[in-house]
């Protein structure tokens, strides 16, 4: 079976964005923000797109070594940092929703997803597009339709879409496990 559909770029972009938005909460985008602090206690405003802080690291001024911090608290759009030196940099890694494309020349890196998710997004998008190909092959009474039925049976695109969806689900589950291993659930306090 060969499939060579032609879709408008706007349809492809819409389906890519639908695939991206379908990933959360199983898979999320990751971002970091650095804060320069010199006054204790360290209370900083988190970015508006921050859903949850994943980890906090700090580095004393004049050094290159980042140290993991376990004493911090997320509270209503801000973070309270509880350790470090009097002057230094804090790096907050947080999860956010995957960013959707707004232009046809946007890069995958702009989504905030790890590069390992690129193939999953492609598979998910293709599966979404293929689901509707069989509609064009529904039975029509003509000699040409009868000859086409033999080489392109109805249901072929749907079967292919199901197979691609299965591969997509597998890649998403793998990414979810990897994210859980990289950023295990910590029991830091979160105030609303």
C-alpha atoms as a PDB file:
ATOM      1  CA  UNK A   1       0.000   0.000   0.000  1.00  0.00           C
ATOM      2  CA  UNK A   2       1.344   3.439  -0.832  1.00  0.00           C
ATOM      3  CA  UNK A   3       0.128   6.656   0.735  1.00  0.00           C
ATOM      4  CA  UNK A   4       0.994  10.018  -0.747  1.00  0.00           C
ATOM      5  CA  UNK A   5      -1.485  12.520   0.668  1.00  0.00           C
ATOM      6  CA  UNK A   6      -1.210  16.222   0.046  1.00  0.00           C
ATOM      7  CA  UNK A   7      -2.322  18.389   2.934  1.00  0.00           C
ATOM      8  CA  UNK A   8      -2.290  22.161   3.188  1.00  0.00           C
ATOM      9  CA  UNK A   9       0.521  23.451   5.411  1.00  0.00           C
ATOM     10  CA  UNK A  10      -2.061  24.978   7.759  1.00  0.00           C
ATOM     11  CA  UNK A  11      -3.649  21.553   8.328  1.00  0.00           C
ATOM     12  CA  UNK A  12      -0.277  20.002   9.102  1.00  0.00           C
ATOM     13  CA  UNK A  13       0.595  22.861  11.484  1.00  0.00           C
ATOM     14  CA  UNK A  14      -2.769  22.492  13.245  1.00  0.00           C
ATOM     15  CA  UNK A  15      -2.251  18.750  13.729  1.00  0.00           C
ATOM     16  CA  UNK A  16       1.330  19.255  14.973  1.00  0.00           C
ATOM     17  CA  UNK A  17      -0.014  21.685  17.587  1.00  0.00           C
ATOM     18  CA  UNK A  18      -2.783  19.253  18.565  1.00  0.00           C
ATOM     19  CA  UNK A  19      -0.167  16.540  19.031  1.00  0.00           C
ATOM     20  CA  UNK A  20       1.958  18.881  21.149  1.00  0.00           C
ATOM     21  CA  UNK A  21      -0.937  19.858  23.397  1.00  0.00           C
ATOM     22  CA  UNK A  22      -2.012  16.221  23.793  1.00  0.00           C
ATOM     23  CA  UNK A  23       1.325  15.328  25.400  1.00  0.00           C
ATOM     24  CA  UNK A  24       0.688  17.063  28.735  1.00  0.00           C
ATOM     25  CA  UNK A  25       0.497  15.830  31.512  1.00  0.00           C
ATOM     26  CA  UNK A  26       2.257  12.619  30.438  1.00  0.00           C
ATOM     27  CA  UNK A  27       5.178  14.533  28.948  1.00  0.00           C
ATOM     28  CA  UNK A  28       6.022  18.135  29.677  1.00  0.00           C
ATOM     29  CA  UNK A  29       8.388  20.817  28.463  1.00  0.00           C
ATOM     30  CA  UNK A  30      11.365  21.817  30.591  1.00  0.00           C
ATOM     31  CA  UNK A  31      12.868  25.258  31.040  1.00  0.00           C
ATOM     32  CA  UNK A  32      15.330  26.944  33.385  1.00  0.00           C
ATOM     33  CA  UNK A  33      15.680  30.390  34.832  1.00  0.00           C
ATOM     34  CA  UNK A  34      18.671  31.852  36.700  1.00  0.00           C
ATOM     35  CA  UNK A  35      18.434  34.330  39.555  1.00  0.00           C
ATOM     36  CA  UNK A  36      21.245  36.438  40.940  1.00  0.00           C
ATOM     37  CA  UNK A  37      20.755  36.799  44.676  1.00  0.00           C
ATOM     38  CA  UNK A  38      22.596  38.772  47.291  1.00  0.00           C
ATOM     39  CA  UNK A  39      19.970  39.210  50.002  1.00  0.00           C
ATOM     40  CA  UNK A  40      18.639  36.473  52.305  1.00  0.00           C
ATOM     41  CA  UNK A  41      15.934  35.175  52.406  1.00  0.00           C
ATOM     42  CA  UNK A  42      15.846  34.513  48.708  1.00  0.00           C
ATOM     43  CA  UNK A  43      12.338  34.942  47.342  1.00  0.00           C
ATOM     44  CA  UNK A  44      12.031  35.093  43.579  1.00  0.00           C
ATOM     45  CA  UNK A  45       9.084  35.342  41.198  1.00  0.00           C
ATOM     46  CA  UNK A  46       8.731  32.303  38.953  1.00  0.00           C
ATOM     47  CA  UNK A  47       8.021  32.663  35.211  1.00  0.00           C
ATOM     48  CA  UNK A  48       4.333  32.785  34.311  1.00  0.00           C
ATOM     49  CA  UNK A  49       4.552  29.475  32.410  1.00  0.00           C
ATOM     50  CA  UNK A  50       5.981  27.546  35.398  1.00  0.00           C
ATOM     51  CA  UNK A  51       3.684  24.681  36.375  1.00  0.00           C
ATOM     52  CA  UNK A  52       5.967  23.094  38.968  1.00  0.00           C
ATOM     53  CA  UNK A  53       9.576  23.446  40.060  1.00  0.00           C
ATOM     54  CA  UNK A  54      11.553  20.284  39.307  1.00  0.00           C
ATOM     55  CA  UNK A  55      14.918  21.123  40.850  1.00  0.00           C
ATOM     56  CA  UNK A  56      16.948  23.975  42.255  1.00  0.00           C
ATOM     57  CA  UNK A  57      20.723  24.394  42.078  1.00  0.00           C
ATOM     58  CA  UNK A  58      22.937  27.180  43.367  1.00  0.00           C
ATOM     59  CA  UNK A  59      26.449  28.358  42.643  1.00  0.00           C
ATOM     60  CA  UNK A  60      28.538  30.693  44.772  1.00  0.00           C
ATOM     61  CA  UNK A  61      29.978  33.739  43.034  1.00  0.00           C
ATOM     62  CA  UNK A  62      33.349  33.059  41.445  1.00  0.00           C
ATOM     63  CA  UNK A  63      32.876  29.285  41.172  1.00  0.00           C
ATOM     64  CA  UNK A  64      31.766  26.987  38.354  1.00  0.00           C
ATOM     65  CA  UNK A  65      30.308  24.231  40.540  1.00  0.00           C
ATOM     66  CA  UNK A  66      26.533  23.868  40.775  1.00  0.00           C
ATOM     67  CA  UNK A  67      25.202  22.362  44.026  1.00  0.00           C
ATOM     68  CA  UNK A  68      21.769  20.717  44.256  1.00  0.00           C
ATOM     69  CA  UNK A  69      19.484  22.418  46.773  1.00  0.00           C
ATOM     70  CA  UNK A  70      16.885  20.460  48.713  1.00  0.00           C
ATOM     71  CA  UNK A  71      15.683  23.384  50.797  1.00  0.00           C
ATOM     72  CA  UNK A  72      13.215  25.413  48.792  1.00  0.00           C
ATOM     73  CA  UNK A  73       9.509  26.050  48.693  1.00  0.00           C
ATOM     74  CA  UNK A  74       7.233  26.880  45.772  1.00  0.00           C
ATOM     75  CA  UNK A  75       4.504  29.298  46.729  1.00  0.00           C
ATOM     76  CA  UNK A  76       1.863  31.031  44.551  1.00  0.00           C
ATOM     77  CA  UNK A  77       4.056  32.038  41.617  1.00  0.00           C
ATOM     78  CA  UNK A  78       7.263  32.446  43.599  1.00  0.00           C
ATOM     79  CA  UNK A  79      10.031  30.336  45.052  1.00  0.00           C
ATOM     80  CA  UNK A  80      11.585  30.672  48.484  1.00  0.00           C
ATOM     81  CA  UNK A  81      15.161  29.436  48.489  1.00  0.00           C
ATOM     82  CA  UNK A  82      16.548  28.300  51.810  1.00  0.00           C
ATOM     83  CA  UNK A  83      20.253  27.652  51.357  1.00  0.00           C
ATOM     84  CA  UNK A  84      23.247  28.973  49.544  1.00  0.00           C
ATOM     85  CA  UNK A  85      25.773  31.671  50.080  1.00  0.00           C
ATOM     86  CA  UNK A  86      25.174  35.348  50.619  1.00  0.00           C
ATOM     87  CA  UNK A  87      25.982  36.117  46.980  1.00  0.00           C
ATOM     88  CA  UNK A  88      25.430  33.714  44.115  1.00  0.00           C
ATOM     89  CA  UNK A  89      23.285  32.356  41.323  1.00  0.00           C
ATOM     90  CA  UNK A  90      20.283  30.079  41.668  1.00  0.00           C
ATOM     91  CA  UNK A  91      19.130  27.954  38.725  1.00  0.00           C
ATOM     92  CA  UNK A  92      15.534  26.789  38.836  1.00  0.00           C
ATOM     93  CA  UNK A  93      14.476  24.004  36.476  1.00  0.00           C
ATOM     94  CA  UNK A  94      10.724  23.838  36.005  1.00  0.00           C
ATOM     95  CA  UNK A  95       8.094  22.088  33.951  1.00  0.00           C
ATOM     96  CA  UNK A  96       5.696  23.854  31.636  1.00  0.00           C
ATOM     97  CA  UNK A  97       3.246  23.077  28.870  1.00  0.00           C
ATOM     98  CA  UNK A  98       4.829  22.299  25.499  1.00  0.00           C
ATOM     99  CA  UNK A  99       4.913  25.448  23.384  1.00  0.00           C
ATOM    100  CA  UNK A 100       2.924  25.168  20.153  1.00  0.00           C
ATOM    101  CA  UNK A 101       4.099  26.475  16.800  1.00  0.00           C
ATOM    102  CA  UNK A 102       2.942  29.905  15.736  1.00  0.00           C
ATOM    103  CA  UNK A 103       4.766  30.093  12.380  1.00  0.00           C
ATOM    104  CA  UNK A 104       5.675  27.519   9.756  1.00  0.00           C
ATOM    105  CA  UNK A 105       9.398  28.144  10.289  1.00  0.00           C
ATOM    106  CA  UNK A 106       9.367  27.572  14.091  1.00  0.00           C
ATOM    107  CA  UNK A 107      12.004  25.133  15.341  1.00  0.00           C
ATOM    108  CA  UNK A 108      11.252  22.018  17.405  1.00  0.00           C
ATOM    109  CA  UNK A 109      13.585  23.291  20.143  1.00  0.00           C
ATOM    110  CA  UNK A 110      11.102  26.144  20.738  1.00  0.00           C
ATOM    111  CA  UNK A 111       8.567  23.643  22.128  1.00  0.00           C
ATOM    112  CA  UNK A 112      10.635  23.099  25.279  1.00  0.00           C
ATOM    113  CA  UNK A 113      10.485  19.332  24.792  1.00  0.00           C
ATOM    114  CA  UNK A 114      13.604  17.214  24.855  1.00  0.00           C
ATOM    115  CA  UNK A 115      15.002  16.343  21.378  1.00  0.00           C
ATOM    116  CA  UNK A 116      14.041  12.703  21.989  1.00  0.00           C
ATOM    117  CA  UNK A 117      10.380  13.695  21.492  1.00  0.00           C
ATOM    118  CA  UNK A 118      10.794  14.886  17.897  1.00  0.00           C
ATOM    119  CA  UNK A 119      10.057  11.441  16.399  1.00  0.00           C
ATOM    120  CA  UNK A 120       7.075  10.975  18.710  1.00  0.00           C
ATOM    121  CA  UNK A 121       5.549  14.277  17.608  1.00  0.00           C
ATOM    122  CA  UNK A 122       6.030  13.344  13.937  1.00  0.00           C
ATOM    123  CA  UNK A 123       4.433   9.908  14.454  1.00  0.00           C
ATOM    124  CA  UNK A 124       1.526  11.369  16.410  1.00  0.00           C
ATOM    125  CA  UNK A 125       0.892  14.010  13.773  1.00  0.00           C
ATOM    126  CA  UNK A 126       1.029  11.559  10.864  1.00  0.00           C
ATOM    127  CA  UNK A 127      -1.330   9.210  12.719  1.00  0.00           C
ATOM    128  CA  UNK A 128      -3.786  12.092  13.193  1.00  0.00           C
ATOM    129  CA  UNK A 129      -3.655  12.972   9.484  1.00  0.00           C
ATOM    130  CA  UNK A 130      -3.956   9.393   8.213  1.00  0.00           C
ATOM    131  CA  UNK A 131      -7.157   8.682  10.154  1.00  0.00           C
ATOM    132  CA  UNK A 132      -9.168  10.640   7.594  1.00  0.00           C
ATOM    133  CA  UNK A 133      -7.668   9.294   4.364  1.00  0.00           C
ATOM    134  CA  UNK A 134     -10.133   6.423   4.033  1.00  0.00           C
ATOM    135  CA  UNK A 135     -13.055   8.865   3.789  1.00  0.00           C
ATOM    136  CA  UNK A 136     -11.910   9.679   0.245  1.00  0.00           C
ATOM    137  CA  UNK A 137     -11.986   5.982  -0.634  1.00  0.00           C
ATOM    138  CA  UNK A 138     -15.570   5.267   0.322  1.00  0.00           C
ATOM    139  CA  UNK A 139     -17.516   3.282  -2.226  1.00  0.00           C
ATOM    140  CA  UNK A 140     -18.619   5.216  -5.275  1.00  0.00           C
ATOM    141  CA  UNK A 141     -20.404   3.459  -8.135  1.00  0.00           C
ATOM    142  CA  UNK A 142     -18.129   3.709 -11.186  1.00  0.00           C
ATOM    143  CA  UNK A 143     -15.717   1.561 -13.153  1.00  0.00           C
ATOM    144  CA  UNK A 144     -12.813   3.701 -12.011  1.00  0.00           C
ATOM    145  CA  UNK A 145     -13.830   3.322  -8.349  1.00  0.00           C
ATOM    146  CA  UNK A 146     -13.968  -0.470  -8.750  1.00  0.00           C
ATOM    147  CA  UNK A 147     -10.425  -0.612 -10.133  1.00  0.00           C
ATOM    148  CA  UNK A 148      -9.140   1.693  -7.368  1.00  0.00           C
ATOM    149  CA  UNK A 149     -10.720  -0.474  -4.651  1.00  0.00           C
ATOM    150  CA  UNK A 150      -8.422  -3.364  -5.535  1.00  0.00           C
ATOM    151  CA  UNK A 151      -5.143  -1.458  -5.045  1.00  0.00           C
ATOM    152  CA  UNK A 152      -6.258   0.836  -2.216  1.00  0.00           C
ATOM    153  CA  UNK A 153      -8.645  -1.042   0.040  1.00  0.00           C
ATOM    154  CA  UNK A 154     -10.771   0.949   2.462  1.00  0.00           C
ATOM    155  CA  UNK A 155      -9.319   0.674   5.960  1.00  0.00           C
ATOM    156  CA  UNK A 156      -5.658   0.607   4.942  1.00  0.00           C
ATOM    157  CA  UNK A 157      -4.969   4.153   6.110  1.00  0.00           C
ATOM    158  CA  UNK A 158      -6.866   3.568   9.341  1.00  0.00           C
ATOM    159  CA  UNK A 159      -4.783   0.457  10.057  1.00  0.00           C
ATOM    160  CA  UNK A 160      -1.592   2.358   9.358  1.00  0.00           C
ATOM    161  CA  UNK A 161      -2.766   5.234  11.592  1.00  0.00           C
ATOM    162  CA  UNK A 162      -3.432   2.734  14.413  1.00  0.00           C
ATOM    163  CA  UNK A 163       0.069   1.262  14.052  1.00  0.00           C
ATOM    164  CA  UNK A 164       1.675   4.714  14.088  1.00  0.00           C
ATOM    165  CA  UNK A 165      -0.446   5.717  17.090  1.00  0.00           C
ATOM    166  CA  UNK A 166       0.863   2.643  18.919  1.00  0.00           C
ATOM    167  CA  UNK A 167       4.453   3.659  18.187  1.00  0.00           C
ATOM    168  CA  UNK A 168       3.651   7.213  19.312  1.00  0.00           C
ATOM    169  CA  UNK A 169       2.177   5.939  22.596  1.00  0.00           C
ATOM    170  CA  UNK A 170       5.255   3.773  23.176  1.00  0.00           C
ATOM    171  CA  UNK A 171       7.648   6.698  22.640  1.00  0.00           C
ATOM    172  CA  UNK A 172       5.569   8.925  24.931  1.00  0.00           C
ATOM    173  CA  UNK A 173       5.574   6.267  27.680  1.00  0.00           C
ATOM    174  CA  UNK A 174       9.357   5.891  27.316  1.00  0.00           C
ATOM    175  CA  UNK A 175       9.844   9.660  27.582  1.00  0.00           C
ATOM    176  CA  UNK A 176       7.568   9.779  30.618  1.00  0.00           C
ATOM    177  CA  UNK A 177       9.712   7.144  32.378  1.00  0.00           C
ATOM    178  CA  UNK A 178      12.899   9.015  31.472  1.00  0.00           C
ATOM    179  CA  UNK A 179      11.511  12.314  32.798  1.00  0.00           C
ATOM    180  CA  UNK A 180      10.461  10.590  36.028  1.00  0.00           C
ATOM    181  CA  UNK A 181      14.004   9.210  36.392  1.00  0.00           C
ATOM    182  CA  UNK A 182      15.644  12.582  35.654  1.00  0.00           C
ATOM    183  CA  UNK A 183      13.305  14.573  37.885  1.00  0.00           C
ATOM    184  CA  UNK A 184      11.960  12.240  40.572  1.00  0.00           C
ATOM    185  CA  UNK A 185       9.002  13.522  42.550  1.00  0.00           C
ATOM    186  CA  UNK A 186      10.375  15.390  45.551  1.00  0.00           C
ATOM    187  CA  UNK A 187       8.465  16.303  48.619  1.00  0.00           C
ATOM    188  CA  UNK A 188       9.242  19.998  48.782  1.00  0.00           C
ATOM    189  CA  UNK A 189       6.479  22.151  50.106  1.00  0.00           C
ATOM    190  CA  UNK A 190       4.211  23.823  47.587  1.00  0.00           C
ATOM    191  CA  UNK A 191       1.841  26.533  48.794  1.00  0.00           C
ATOM    192  CA  UNK A 192      -1.024  27.754  46.647  1.00  0.00           C
END
